[in-house]
Amino acid sequence: MNKNKNSFYKGKLFENIACKYLINKGYKIISKNLYSRFGEIDILATKDKKLIIIEVKGGKFRYQNINKNKLNKIINTFLHKENKIYNNMNSFDAIQIDLIFIDEKNNIEHIQNIIE
């Protein structure tokens, strides 16, 4: 299996682990893998009247590539897809971006509301 395909499957595995974690914490998953010309949103969820955009990173180098450019891609993807994502955006009190890091042993670190 080539490196890109292997990375793709590992990414999907980490996203599935993150979804199970979120569901166990009371989140409702709305969508996964929302793509636009700007980038991708890994997971879109709701909890406590908040719409939550979740970026998932996993493996040894999970902290790499979380920078201003990556956040701008996530935000622009959301803005591009906003009308298609959810019919009633007014039903939310807030929108936030969370990060979930998963290490090689599947330990989860959840950082909530990274942009205040």
PDB file of N, CA and C in Angstrom:
ATOM      1  N   MET A   1       0.858  -1.173   0.000  1.00  0.00           N
ATOM      2  CA  MET A   1       0.000   0.000   0.000  1.00  0.00           C
ATOM      3  C   MET A   1       0.901   1.231   0.000  1.00  0.00           C
ATOM      4  N   ASN A   2       0.559   2.194  -0.859  1.00  0.00           N
ATOM      5  CA  ASN A   2       1.409   3.380  -0.897  1.00  0.00           C
ATOM      6  C   ASN A   2       1.150   4.282   0.304  1.00  0.00           C
ATOM      7  N   LYS A   3       2.080   5.223   0.500  1.00  0.00           N
ATOM      8  CA  LYS A   3       2.047   6.064   1.699  1.00  0.00           C
ATOM      9  C   LYS A   3       0.771   6.905   1.779  1.00  0.00           C
ATOM     10  N   ASN A   4       0.325   7.499   0.656  1.00  0.00           N
ATOM     11  CA  ASN A   4      -0.875   8.337   0.674  1.00  0.00           C
ATOM     12  C   ASN A   4      -2.119   7.534   1.028  1.00  0.00           C
ATOM     13  N   LYS A   5      -2.238   6.342   0.471  1.00  0.00           N
ATOM     14  CA  LYS A   5      -3.396   5.499   0.766  1.00  0.00           C
ATOM     15  C   LYS A   5      -3.376   5.062   2.225  1.00  0.00           C
ATOM     16  N   ASN A   6      -2.192   4.711   2.727  1.00  0.00           N
ATOM     17  CA  ASN A   6      -2.042   4.325   4.123  1.00  0.00           C
ATOM     18  C   ASN A   6      -2.417   5.488   5.044  1.00  0.00           C
ATOM     19  N   SER A   7      -1.973   6.701   4.722  1.00  0.00           N
ATOM     20  CA  SER A   7      -2.315   7.885   5.510  1.00  0.00           C
ATOM     21  C   SER A   7      -3.814   8.143   5.482  1.00  0.00           C
ATOM     22  N   PHE A   8      -4.430   7.940   4.323  1.00  0.00           N
ATOM     23  CA  PHE A   8      -5.871   8.131   4.189  1.00  0.00           C
ATOM     24  C   PHE A   8      -6.617   7.199   5.137  1.00  0.00           C
ATOM     25  N   TYR A   9      -6.250   5.915   5.143  1.00  0.00           N
ATOM     26  CA  TYR A   9      -6.933   4.945   6.004  1.00  0.00           C
ATOM     27  C   TYR A   9      -6.667   5.206   7.485  1.00  0.00           C
ATOM     28  N   LYS A  10      -5.462   5.630   7.818  1.00  0.00           N
ATOM     29  CA  LYS A  10      -5.168   5.987   9.212  1.00  0.00           C
ATOM     30  C   LYS A  10      -6.005   7.186   9.625  1.00  0.00           C
ATOM     31  N   GLY A  11      -6.130   8.159   8.735  1.00  0.00           N
ATOM     32  CA  GLY A  11      -6.957   9.331   9.017  1.00  0.00           C
ATOM     33  C   GLY A  11      -8.395   8.945   9.287  1.00  0.00           C
ATOM     34  N   LYS A  12      -8.932   8.048   8.478  1.00  0.00           N
ATOM     35  CA  LYS A  12     -10.310   7.580   8.679  1.00  0.00           C
ATOM     36  C   LYS A  12     -10.440   6.837  10.008  1.00  0.00           C
ATOM     37  N   LEU A  13      -9.435   6.055  10.361  1.00  0.00           N
ATOM     38  CA  LEU A  13      -9.446   5.339  11.640  1.00  0.00           C
ATOM     39  C   LEU A  13      -9.477   6.338  12.793  1.00  0.00           C
ATOM     40  N   PHE A  14      -8.632   7.350  12.737  1.00  0.00           N
ATOM     41  CA  PHE A  14      -8.601   8.358  13.806  1.00  0.00           C
ATOM     42  C   PHE A  14      -9.930   9.118  13.874  1.00  0.00           C
ATOM     43  N   GLU A  15     -10.520   9.418  12.736  1.00  0.00           N
ATOM     44  CA  GLU A  15     -11.822  10.102  12.726  1.00  0.00           C
ATOM     45  C   GLU A  15     -12.906   9.225  13.350  1.00  0.00           C
ATOM     46  N   ASN A  16     -12.870   7.928  13.079  1.00  0.00           N
ATOM     47  CA  ASN A  16     -13.852   7.015  13.681  1.00  0.00           C
ATOM     48  C   ASN A  16     -13.673   6.926  15.196  1.00  0.00           C
ATOM     49  N   ILE A  17     -12.436   6.892  15.657  1.00  0.00           N
ATOM     50  CA  ILE A  17     -12.160   6.885  17.099  1.00  0.00           C
ATOM     51  C   ILE A  17     -12.695   8.173  17.724  1.00  0.00           C
ATOM     52  N   ALA A  18     -12.447   9.298  17.045  1.00  0.00           N
ATOM     53  CA  ALA A  18     -12.918  10.597  17.544  1.00  0.00           C
ATOM     54  C   ALA A  18     -14.444  10.631  17.605  1.00  0.00           C
ATOM     55  N   CYS A  19     -15.118  10.098  16.593  1.00  0.00           N
ATOM     56  CA  CYS A  19     -16.587  10.084  16.594  1.00  0.00           C
ATOM     57  C   CYS A  19     -17.132   9.273  17.768  1.00  0.00           C
ATOM     58  N   LYS A  20     -16.562   8.113  18.013  1.00  0.00           N
ATOM     59  CA  LYS A  20     -17.009   7.291  19.148  1.00  0.00           C
ATOM     60  C   LYS A  20     -16.804   8.044  20.461  1.00  0.00           C
ATOM     61  N   TYR A  21     -15.663   8.684  20.601  1.00  0.00           N
ATOM     62  CA  TYR A  21     -15.364   9.476  21.796  1.00  0.00           C
ATOM     63  C   TYR A  21     -16.410  10.579  21.970  1.00  0.00           C
ATOM     64  N   LEU A  22     -16.679  11.312  20.894  1.00  0.00           N
ATOM     65  CA  LEU A  22     -17.627  12.428  20.956  1.00  0.00           C
ATOM     66  C   LEU A  22     -19.032  11.955  21.311  1.00  0.00           C
ATOM     67  N   ILE A  23     -19.476  10.885  20.694  1.00  0.00           N
ATOM     68  CA  ILE A  23     -20.807  10.334  20.976  1.00  0.00           C
ATOM     69  C   ILE A  23     -20.905   9.949  22.455  1.00  0.00           C
ATOM     70  N   ASN A  24     -19.846   9.319  22.982  1.00  0.00           N
ATOM     71  CA  ASN A  24     -19.823   8.946  24.402  1.00  0.00           C
ATOM     72  C   ASN A  24     -19.863  10.159  25.318  1.00  0.00           C
ATOM     73  N   LYS A  25     -19.422  11.318  24.815  1.00  0.00           N
ATOM     74  CA  LYS A  25     -19.431  12.563  25.598  1.00  0.00           C
ATOM     75  C   LYS A  25     -20.711  13.378  25.372  1.00  0.00           C
ATOM     76  N   GLY A  26     -21.663  12.814  24.633  1.00  0.00           N
ATOM     77  CA  GLY A  26     -22.946  13.485  24.458  1.00  0.00           C
ATOM     78  C   GLY A  26     -23.073  14.361  23.220  1.00  0.00           C
ATOM     79  N   TYR A  27     -22.111  14.292  22.323  1.00  0.00           N
ATOM     80  CA  TYR A  27     -22.185  15.055  21.082  1.00  0.00           C
ATOM     81  C   TYR A  27     -23.062  14.314  20.074  1.00  0.00           C
ATOM     82  N   LYS A  28     -23.693  15.056  19.189  1.00  0.00           N
ATOM     83  CA  LYS A  28     -24.430  14.459  18.082  1.00  0.00           C
ATOM     84  C   LYS A  28     -23.647  14.767  16.806  1.00  0.00           C
ATOM     85  N   ILE A  29     -23.251  13.733  16.091  1.00  0.00           N
ATOM     86  CA  ILE A  29     -22.491  13.912  14.856  1.00  0.00           C
ATOM     87  C   ILE A  29     -23.470  14.267  13.736  1.00  0.00           C
ATOM     88  N   ILE A  30     -23.228  15.391  13.085  1.00  0.00           N
ATOM     89  CA  ILE A  30     -24.067  15.822  11.966  1.00  0.00           C
ATOM     90  C   ILE A  30     -23.494  15.329  10.646  1.00  0.00           C
ATOM     91  N   SER A  31     -22.172  15.449  10.513  1.00  0.00           N
ATOM     92  CA  SER A  31     -21.550  15.102   9.243  1.00  0.00           C
ATOM     93  C   SER A  31     -20.071  14.821   9.445  1.00  0.00           C
ATOM     94  N   LYS A  32     -19.502  14.080   8.498  1.00  0.00           N
ATOM     95  CA  LYS A  32     -18.069  13.813   8.481  1.00  0.00           C
ATOM     96  C   LYS A  32     -17.543  14.128   7.086  1.00  0.00           C
ATOM     97  N   ASN A  33     -16.314  14.565   7.044  1.00  0.00           N
ATOM     98  CA  ASN A  33     -15.600  14.775   5.783  1.00  0.00           C
ATOM     99  C   ASN A  33     -16.343  15.679   4.805  1.00  0.00           C
ATOM    100  N   LEU A  34     -16.542  16.910   5.219  1.00  0.00           N
ATOM    101  CA  LEU A  34     -17.152  17.913   4.342  1.00  0.00           C
ATOM    102  C   LEU A  34     -16.047  18.579   3.536  1.00  0.00           C
ATOM    103  N   TYR A  35     -16.104  18.431   2.231  1.00  0.00           N
ATOM    104  CA  TYR A  35     -15.067  18.972   1.366  1.00  0.00           C
ATOM    105  C   TYR A  35     -15.567  20.204   0.626  1.00  0.00           C
ATOM    106  N   SER A  36     -14.653  21.136   0.410  1.00  0.00           N
ATOM    107  CA  SER A  36     -14.904  22.264  -0.478  1.00  0.00           C
ATOM    108  C   SER A  36     -13.600  22.545  -1.205  1.00  0.00           C
ATOM    109  N   ARG A  37     -13.629  23.528  -2.085  1.00  0.00           N
ATOM    110  CA  ARG A  37     -12.393  23.879  -2.788  1.00  0.00           C
ATOM    111  C   ARG A  37     -11.365  24.481  -1.833  1.00  0.00           C
ATOM    112  N   PHE A  38     -11.806  24.874  -0.635  1.00  0.00           N
ATOM    113  CA  PHE A  38     -10.910  25.487   0.345  1.00  0.00           C
ATOM    114  C   PHE A  38     -10.232  24.471   1.249  1.00  0.00           C
ATOM    115  N   GLY A  39     -10.889  23.335   1.494  1.00  0.00           N
ATOM    116  CA  GLY A  39     -10.337  22.343   2.403  1.00  0.00           C
ATOM    117  C   GLY A  39     -11.389  21.358   2.848  1.00  0.00           C
ATOM    118  N   GLU A  40     -11.219  20.857   4.068  1.00  0.00           N
ATOM    119  CA  GLU A  40     -12.113  19.819   4.587  1.00  0.00           C
ATOM    120  C   GLU A  40     -12.409  20.079   6.060  1.00  0.00           C
ATOM    121  N   ILE A  41     -13.622  19.728   6.447  1.00  0.00           N
ATOM    122  CA  ILE A  41     -13.994  19.670   7.855  1.00  0.00           C
ATOM    123  C   ILE A  41     -14.101  18.192   8.193  1.00  0.00           C
ATOM    124  N   ASP A  42     -13.320  17.742   9.187  1.00  0.00           N
ATOM    125  CA  ASP A  42     -13.317  16.320   9.539  1.00  0.00           C
ATOM    126  C   ASP A  42     -14.653  15.888  10.130  1.00  0.00           C
ATOM    127  N   ILE A  43     -15.105  16.601  11.162  1.00  0.00           N
ATOM    128  CA  ILE A  43     -16.354  16.236  11.845  1.00  0.00           C
ATOM    129  C   ILE A  43     -17.117  17.514  12.174  1.00  0.00           C
ATOM    130  N   LEU A  44     -18.412  17.460  11.951  1.00  0.00           N
ATOM    131  CA  LEU A  44     -19.304  18.535  12.367  1.00  0.00           C
ATOM    132  C   LEU A  44     -20.280  17.927  13.357  1.00  0.00           C
ATOM    133  N   ALA A  45     -20.380  18.533  14.539  1.00  0.00           N
ATOM    134  CA  ALA A  45     -21.211  17.971  15.611  1.00  0.00           C
ATOM    135  C   ALA A  45     -21.963  19.086  16.333  1.00  0.00           C
ATOM    136  N   THR A  46     -22.913  18.679  17.167  1.00  0.00           N
ATOM    137  CA  THR A  46     -23.631  19.626  18.022  1.00  0.00           C
ATOM    138  C   THR A  46     -23.611  19.117  19.455  1.00  0.00           C
ATOM    139  N   LYS A  47     -23.644  20.085  20.376  1.00  0.00           N
ATOM    140  CA  LYS A  47     -23.802  19.782  21.799  1.00  0.00           C
ATOM    141  C   LYS A  47     -24.117  21.094  22.508  1.00  0.00           C
ATOM    142  N   ASP A  48     -25.056  21.047  23.419  1.00  0.00           N
ATOM    143  CA  ASP A  48     -25.401  22.212  24.237  1.00  0.00           C
ATOM    144  C   ASP A  48     -25.683  23.457  23.386  1.00  0.00           C
ATOM    145  N   LYS A  49     -26.468  23.294  22.334  1.00  0.00           N
ATOM    146  CA  LYS A  49     -26.859  24.396  21.442  1.00  0.00           C
ATOM    147  C   LYS A  49     -25.663  25.061  20.754  1.00  0.00           C
ATOM    148  N   LYS A  50     -24.565  24.300  20.603  1.00  0.00           N
ATOM    149  CA  LYS A  50     -23.397  24.782  19.869  1.00  0.00           C
ATOM    150  C   LYS A  50     -23.205  23.915  18.631  1.00  0.00           C
ATOM    151  N   LEU A  51     -22.797  24.547  17.556  1.00  0.00           N
ATOM    152  CA  LEU A  51     -22.362  23.850  16.360  1.00  0.00           C
ATOM    153  C   LEU A  51     -20.844  23.785  16.444  1.00  0.00           C
ATOM    154  N   ILE A  52     -20.291  22.574  16.392  1.00  0.00           N
ATOM    155  CA  ILE A  52     -18.864  22.400  16.660  1.00  0.00           C
ATOM    156  C   ILE A  52     -18.172  21.765  15.454  1.00  0.00           C
ATOM    157  N   ILE A  53     -17.165  22.472  14.965  1.00  0.00           N
ATOM    158  CA  ILE A  53     -16.317  22.000  13.876  1.00  0.00           C
ATOM    159  C   ILE A  53     -15.115  21.341  14.539  1.00  0.00           C
ATOM    160  N   ILE A  54     -14.836  20.086  14.161  1.00  0.00           N
ATOM    161  CA  ILE A  54     -13.790  19.339  14.851  1.00  0.00           C
ATOM    162  C   ILE A  54     -12.734  18.879  13.847  1.00  0.00           C
ATOM    163  N   GLU A  55     -11.505  19.274  14.120  1.00  0.00           N
ATOM    164  CA  GLU A  55     -10.346  18.833  13.339  1.00  0.00           C
ATOM    165  C   GLU A  55      -9.695  17.691  14.104  1.00  0.00           C
ATOM    166  N   VAL A  56      -9.420  16.591  13.399  1.00  0.00           N
ATOM    167  CA  VAL A  56      -8.835  15.404  14.024  1.00  0.00           C
ATOM    168  C   VAL A  56      -7.431  15.197  13.470  1.00  0.00           C
ATOM    169  N   LYS A  57      -6.488  15.012  14.372  1.00  0.00           N
ATOM    170  CA  LYS A  57      -5.111  14.691  13.993  1.00  0.00           C
ATOM    171  C   LYS A  57      -4.677  13.485  14.796  1.00  0.00           C
ATOM    172  N   GLY A  58      -3.913  12.600  14.164  1.00  0.00           N
ATOM    173  CA  GLY A  58      -3.484  11.418  14.882  1.00  0.00           C
ATOM    174  C   GLY A  58      -2.085  10.981  14.519  1.00  0.00           C
ATOM    175  N   GLY A  59      -1.575  10.087  15.355  1.00  0.00           N
ATOM    176  CA  GLY A  59      -0.255   9.522  15.124  1.00  0.00           C
ATOM    177  C   GLY A  59       0.842  10.253  15.868  1.00  0.00           C
ATOM    178  N   LYS A  60       2.065   9.937  15.524  1.00  0.00           N
ATOM    179  CA  LYS A  60       3.229  10.517  16.176  1.00  0.00           C
ATOM    180  C   LYS A  60       3.318  12.026  15.993  1.00  0.00           C
ATOM    181  N   PHE A  61       3.003  12.480  14.815  1.00  0.00           N
ATOM    182  CA  PHE A  61       3.203  13.886  14.463  1.00  0.00           C
ATOM    183  C   PHE A  61       1.881  14.640  14.431  1.00  0.00           C
ATOM    184  N   ARG A  62       1.002  14.319  15.362  1.00  0.00           N
ATOM    185  CA  ARG A  62      -0.348  14.862  15.353  1.00  0.00           C
ATOM    186  C   ARG A  62      -0.408  16.371  15.544  1.00  0.00           C
ATOM    187  N   TYR A  63       0.630  16.964  16.131  1.00  0.00           N
ATOM    188  CA  TYR A  63       0.596  18.412  16.370  1.00  0.00           C
ATOM    189  C   TYR A  63       1.058  19.224  15.163  1.00  0.00           C
ATOM    190  N   GLN A  64       1.586  18.546  14.166  1.00  0.00           N
ATOM    191  CA  GLN A  64       2.029  19.266  12.975  1.00  0.00           C
ATOM    192  C   GLN A  64       0.833  19.740  12.173  1.00  0.00           C
ATOM    193  N   ASN A  65       1.024  20.778  11.435  1.00  0.00           N
ATOM    194  CA  ASN A  65       0.042  21.295  10.483  1.00  0.00           C
ATOM    195  C   ASN A  65      -1.194  21.923  11.107  1.00  0.00           C
ATOM    196  N   ILE A  66      -1.178  22.205  12.390  1.00  0.00           N
ATOM    197  CA  ILE A  66      -2.265  22.984  12.988  1.00  0.00           C
ATOM    198  C   ILE A  66      -1.728  24.405  13.125  1.00  0.00           C
ATOM    199  N   ASN A  67      -2.046  25.197  12.122  1.00  0.00           N
ATOM    200  CA  ASN A  67      -1.544  26.566  12.099  1.00  0.00           C
ATOM    201  C   ASN A  67      -2.634  27.492  11.553  1.00  0.00           C
ATOM    202  N   LYS A  68      -2.294  28.749  11.408  1.00  0.00           N
ATOM    203  CA  LYS A  68      -3.263  29.740  10.943  1.00  0.00           C
ATOM    204  C   LYS A  68      -3.812  29.377   9.558  1.00  0.00           C
ATOM    205  N   ASN A  69      -2.953  28.905   8.684  1.00  0.00           N
ATOM    206  CA  ASN A  69      -3.378  28.522   7.340  1.00  0.00           C
ATOM    207  C   ASN A  69      -4.408  27.391   7.387  1.00  0.00           C
ATOM    208  N   LYS A  70      -4.153  26.378   8.196  1.00  0.00           N
ATOM    209  CA  LYS A  70      -5.086  25.252   8.336  1.00  0.00           C
ATOM    210  C   LYS A  70      -6.420  25.731   8.906  1.00  0.00           C
ATOM    211  N   LEU A  71      -6.371  26.577   9.925  1.00  0.00           N
ATOM    212  CA  LEU A  71      -7.605  27.108  10.520  1.00  0.00           C
ATOM    213  C   LEU A  71      -8.390  27.936   9.507  1.00  0.00           C
ATOM    214  N   ASN A  72      -7.698  28.725   8.700  1.00  0.00           N
ATOM    215  CA  ASN A  72      -8.385  29.500   7.658  1.00  0.00           C
ATOM    216  C   ASN A  72      -9.078  28.589   6.656  1.00  0.00           C
ATOM    217  N   LYS A  73      -8.450  27.477   6.303  1.00  0.00           N
ATOM    218  CA  LYS A  73      -9.070  26.515   5.382  1.00  0.00           C
ATOM    219  C   LYS A  73     -10.344  25.928   5.994  1.00  0.00           C
ATOM    220  N   ILE A  74     -10.294  25.593   7.274  1.00  0.00           N
ATOM    221  CA  ILE A  74     -11.461  25.032   7.963  1.00  0.00           C
ATOM    222  C   ILE A  74     -12.592  26.066   7.990  1.00  0.00           C
ATOM    223  N   ILE A  75     -12.257  27.294   8.362  1.00  0.00           N
ATOM    224  CA  ILE A  75     -13.267  28.362   8.433  1.00  0.00           C
ATOM    225  C   ILE A  75     -13.866  28.647   7.053  1.00  0.00           C
ATOM    226  N   ASN A  76     -13.021  28.738   6.040  1.00  0.00           N
ATOM    227  CA  ASN A  76     -13.528  29.004   4.693  1.00  0.00           C
ATOM    228  C   ASN A  76     -14.390  27.863   4.171  1.00  0.00           C
ATOM    229  N   THR A  77     -14.032  26.632   4.510  1.00  0.00           N
ATOM    230  CA  THR A  77     -14.867  25.489   4.126  1.00  0.00           C
ATOM    231  C   THR A  77     -16.232  25.602   4.792  1.00  0.00           C
ATOM    232  N   PHE A  78     -16.236  25.936   6.079  1.00  0.00           N
ATOM    233  CA  PHE A  78     -17.504  26.103   6.790  1.00  0.00           C
ATOM    234  C   PHE A  78     -18.343  27.211   6.150  1.00  0.00           C
ATOM    235  N   LEU A  79     -17.734  28.345   5.895  1.00  0.00           N
ATOM    236  CA  LEU A  79     -18.480  29.472   5.312  1.00  0.00           C
ATOM    237  C   LEU A  79     -19.015  29.124   3.930  1.00  0.00           C
ATOM    238  N   HIS A  80     -18.245  28.363   3.168  1.00  0.00           N
ATOM    239  CA  HIS A  80     -18.671  27.946   1.827  1.00  0.00           C
ATOM    240  C   HIS A  80     -19.832  26.953   1.883  1.00  0.00           C
ATOM    241  N   LYS A  81     -19.840  26.108   2.903  1.00  0.00           N
ATOM    242  CA  LYS A  81     -20.840  25.036   3.021  1.00  0.00           C
ATOM    243  C   LYS A  81     -21.971  25.373   3.986  1.00  0.00           C
ATOM    244  N   GLU A  82     -21.902  26.519   4.641  1.00  0.00           N
ATOM    245  CA  GLU A  82     -22.814  26.842   5.745  1.00  0.00           C
ATOM    246  C   GLU A  82     -24.280  26.595   5.423  1.00  0.00           C
ATOM    247  N   ASN A  83     -24.754  27.067   4.302  1.00  0.00           N
ATOM    248  CA  ASN A  83     -26.168  26.901   3.953  1.00  0.00           C
ATOM    249  C   ASN A  83     -26.529  25.449   3.682  1.00  0.00           C
ATOM    250  N   LYS A  84     -25.577  24.684   3.190  1.00  0.00           N
ATOM    251  CA  LYS A  84     -25.836  23.275   2.892  1.00  0.00           C
ATOM    252  C   LYS A  84     -25.681  22.399   4.135  1.00  0.00           C
ATOM    253  N   ILE A  85     -24.904  22.866   5.095  1.00  0.00           N
ATOM    254  CA  ILE A  85     -24.604  22.062   6.285  1.00  0.00           C
ATOM    255  C   ILE A  85     -25.833  21.910   7.162  1.00  0.00           C
ATOM    256  N   TYR A  86     -26.447  23.009   7.476  1.00  0.00           N
ATOM    257  CA  TYR A  86     -27.529  22.966   8.442  1.00  0.00           C
ATOM    258  C   TYR A  86     -28.572  23.993   8.071  1.00  0.00           C
ATOM    259  N   ASN A  87     -29.819  23.574   8.000  1.00  0.00           N
ATOM    260  CA  ASN A  87     -30.894  24.450   7.542  1.00  0.00           C
ATOM    261  C   ASN A  87     -31.177  25.602   8.501  1.00  0.00           C
ATOM    262  N   ASN A  88     -31.023  25.388   9.780  1.00  0.00           N
ATOM    263  CA  ASN A  88     -31.421  26.407  10.744  1.00  0.00           C
ATOM    264  C   ASN A  88     -30.252  26.802  11.635  1.00  0.00           C
ATOM    265  N   MET A  89     -29.362  27.635  11.102  1.00  0.00           N
ATOM    266  CA  MET A  89     -28.198  28.073  11.864  1.00  0.00           C
ATOM    267  C   MET A  89     -28.605  28.898  13.086  1.00  0.00           C
ATOM    268  N   ASN A  90     -29.790  29.496  13.043  1.00  0.00           N
ATOM    269  CA  ASN A  90     -30.254  30.315  14.171  1.00  0.00           C
ATOM    270  C   ASN A  90     -30.552  29.497  15.418  1.00  0.00           C
ATOM    271  N   SER A  91     -30.629  28.176  15.294  1.00  0.00           N
ATOM    272  CA  SER A  91     -30.935  27.353  16.459  1.00  0.00           C
ATOM    273  C   SER A  91     -29.716  27.137  17.364  1.00  0.00           C
ATOM    274  N   PHE A  92     -28.562  27.670  16.969  1.00  0.00           N
ATOM    275  CA  PHE A  92     -27.338  27.514  17.754  1.00  0.00           C
ATOM    276  C   PHE A  92     -26.985  28.809  18.453  1.00  0.00           C
ATOM    277  N   ASP A  93     -26.527  28.697  19.694  1.00  0.00           N
ATOM    278  CA  ASP A  93     -26.066  29.854  20.455  1.00  0.00           C
ATOM    279  C   ASP A  93     -24.636  30.237  20.085  1.00  0.00           C
ATOM    280  N   ALA A  94     -23.867  29.263  19.594  1.00  0.00           N
ATOM    281  CA  ALA A  94     -22.463  29.519  19.280  1.00  0.00           C
ATOM    282  C   ALA A  94     -21.959  28.506  18.259  1.00  0.00           C
ATOM    283  N   ILE A  95     -20.885  28.887  17.607  1.00  0.00           N
ATOM    284  CA  ILE A  95     -20.148  28.001  16.718  1.00  0.00           C
ATOM    285  C   ILE A  95     -18.723  27.987  17.251  1.00  0.00           C
ATOM    286  N   GLN A  96     -18.143  26.795  17.366  1.00  0.00           N
ATOM    287  CA  GLN A  96     -16.768  26.722  17.856  1.00  0.00           C
ATOM    288  C   GLN A  96     -15.977  25.704  17.066  1.00  0.00           C
ATOM    289  N   ILE A  97     -14.657  25.821  17.179  1.00  0.00           N
ATOM    290  CA  ILE A  97     -13.748  24.871  16.545  1.00  0.00           C
ATOM    291  C   ILE A  97     -12.994  24.149  17.655  1.00  0.00           C
ATOM    292  N   ASP A  98     -13.004  22.831  17.600  1.00  0.00           N
ATOM    293  CA  ASP A  98     -12.279  21.983  18.546  1.00  0.00           C
ATOM    294  C   ASP A  98     -11.210  21.192  17.804  1.00  0.00           C
ATOM    295  N   LEU A  99     -10.194  20.782  18.536  1.00  0.00           N
ATOM    296  CA  LEU A  99      -9.173  19.877  18.013  1.00  0.00           C
ATOM    297  C   LEU A  99      -9.199  18.598  18.823  1.00  0.00           C
ATOM    298  N   ILE A 100      -9.060  17.490  18.134  1.00  0.00           N
ATOM    299  CA  ILE A 100      -8.886  16.203  18.815  1.00  0.00           C
ATOM    300  C   ILE A 100      -7.599  15.594  18.293  1.00  0.00           C
ATOM    301  N   PHE A 101      -6.668  15.347  19.223  1.00  0.00           N
ATOM    302  CA  PHE A 101      -5.415  14.679  18.911  1.00  0.00           C
ATOM    303  C   PHE A 101      -5.487  13.263  19.450  1.00  0.00           C
ATOM    304  N   ILE A 102      -5.062  12.298  18.629  1.00  0.00           N
ATOM    305  CA  ILE A 102      -5.060  10.894  19.040  1.00  0.00           C
ATOM    306  C   ILE A 102      -3.656  10.351  18.825  1.00  0.00           C
ATOM    307  N   ASP A 103      -3.048   9.824  19.889  1.00  0.00           N
ATOM    308  CA  ASP A 103      -1.682   9.315  19.750  1.00  0.00           C
ATOM    309  C   ASP A 103      -1.679   7.867  19.258  1.00  0.00           C
ATOM    310  N   GLU A 104      -0.479   7.306  19.158  1.00  0.00           N
ATOM    311  CA  GLU A 104      -0.308   5.949  18.609  1.00  0.00           C
ATOM    312  C   GLU A 104      -0.998   4.884  19.453  1.00  0.00           C
ATOM    313  N   LYS A 105      -1.273   5.198  20.725  1.00  0.00           N
ATOM    314  CA  LYS A 105      -1.939   4.240  21.609  1.00  0.00           C
ATOM    315  C   LYS A 105      -3.429   4.557  21.748  1.00  0.00           C
ATOM    316  N   ASN A 106      -3.921   5.410  20.872  1.00  0.00           N
ATOM    317  CA  ASN A 106      -5.330   5.833  20.844  1.00  0.00           C
ATOM    318  C   ASN A 106      -5.768   6.636  22.068  1.00  0.00           C
ATOM    319  N   ASN A 107      -4.802   7.266  22.746  1.00  0.00           N
ATOM    320  CA  ASN A 107      -5.151   8.215  23.800  1.00  0.00           C
ATOM    321  C   ASN A 107      -5.661   9.487  23.145  1.00  0.00           C
ATOM    322  N   ILE A 108      -6.689  10.082  23.717  1.00  0.00           N
ATOM    323  CA  ILE A 108      -7.354  11.226  23.106  1.00  0.00           C
ATOM    324  C   ILE A 108      -7.113  12.480  23.937  1.00  0.00           C
ATOM    325  N   GLU A 109      -6.745  13.536  23.238  1.00  0.00           N
ATOM    326  CA  GLU A 109      -6.654  14.869  23.840  1.00  0.00           C
ATOM    327  C   GLU A 109      -7.635  15.765  23.086  1.00  0.00           C
ATOM    328  N   HIS A 110      -8.598  16.305  23.798  1.00  0.00           N
ATOM    329  CA  HIS A 110      -9.657  17.122  23.196  1.00  0.00           C
ATOM    330  C   HIS A 110      -9.485  18.558  23.665  1.00  0.00           C
ATOM    331  N   ILE A 111      -9.179  19.440  22.737  1.00  0.00           N
ATOM    332  CA  ILE A 111      -9.029  20.858  23.052  1.00  0.00           C
ATOM    333  C   ILE A 111     -10.241  21.581  22.484  1.00  0.00           C
ATOM    334  N   GLN A 112     -11.031  22.161  23.368  1.00  0.00           N
ATOM    335  CA  GLN A 112     -12.284  22.785  22.963  1.00  0.00           C
ATOM    336  C   GLN A 112     -12.114  24.271  22.714  1.00  0.00           C
ATOM    337  N   ASN A 113     -12.875  24.761  21.728  1.00  0.00           N
ATOM    338  CA  ASN A 113     -13.000  26.192  21.449  1.00  0.00           C
ATOM    339  C   ASN A 113     -11.634  26.858  21.309  1.00  0.00           C
ATOM    340  N   ILE A 114     -10.896  26.452  20.287  1.00  0.00           N
ATOM    341  CA  ILE A 114      -9.532  26.943  20.128  1.00  0.00           C
ATOM    342  C   ILE A 114      -9.458  28.393  19.669  1.00  0.00           C
ATOM    343  N   ILE A 115     -10.559  28.926  19.147  1.00  0.00           N
ATOM    344  CA  ILE A 115     -10.597  30.338  18.735  1.00  0.00           C
ATOM    345  C   ILE A 115     -11.689  31.033  19.531  1.00  0.00           C
ATOM    346  N   GLU A 116     -11.300  31.900  20.411  1.00  0.00           N
ATOM    347  CA  GLU A 116     -12.311  32.637  21.208  1.00  0.00           C
ATOM    348  C   GLU A 116     -12.297  34.090  20.831  1.00  0.00           C
TER     349      GLU A 116
END
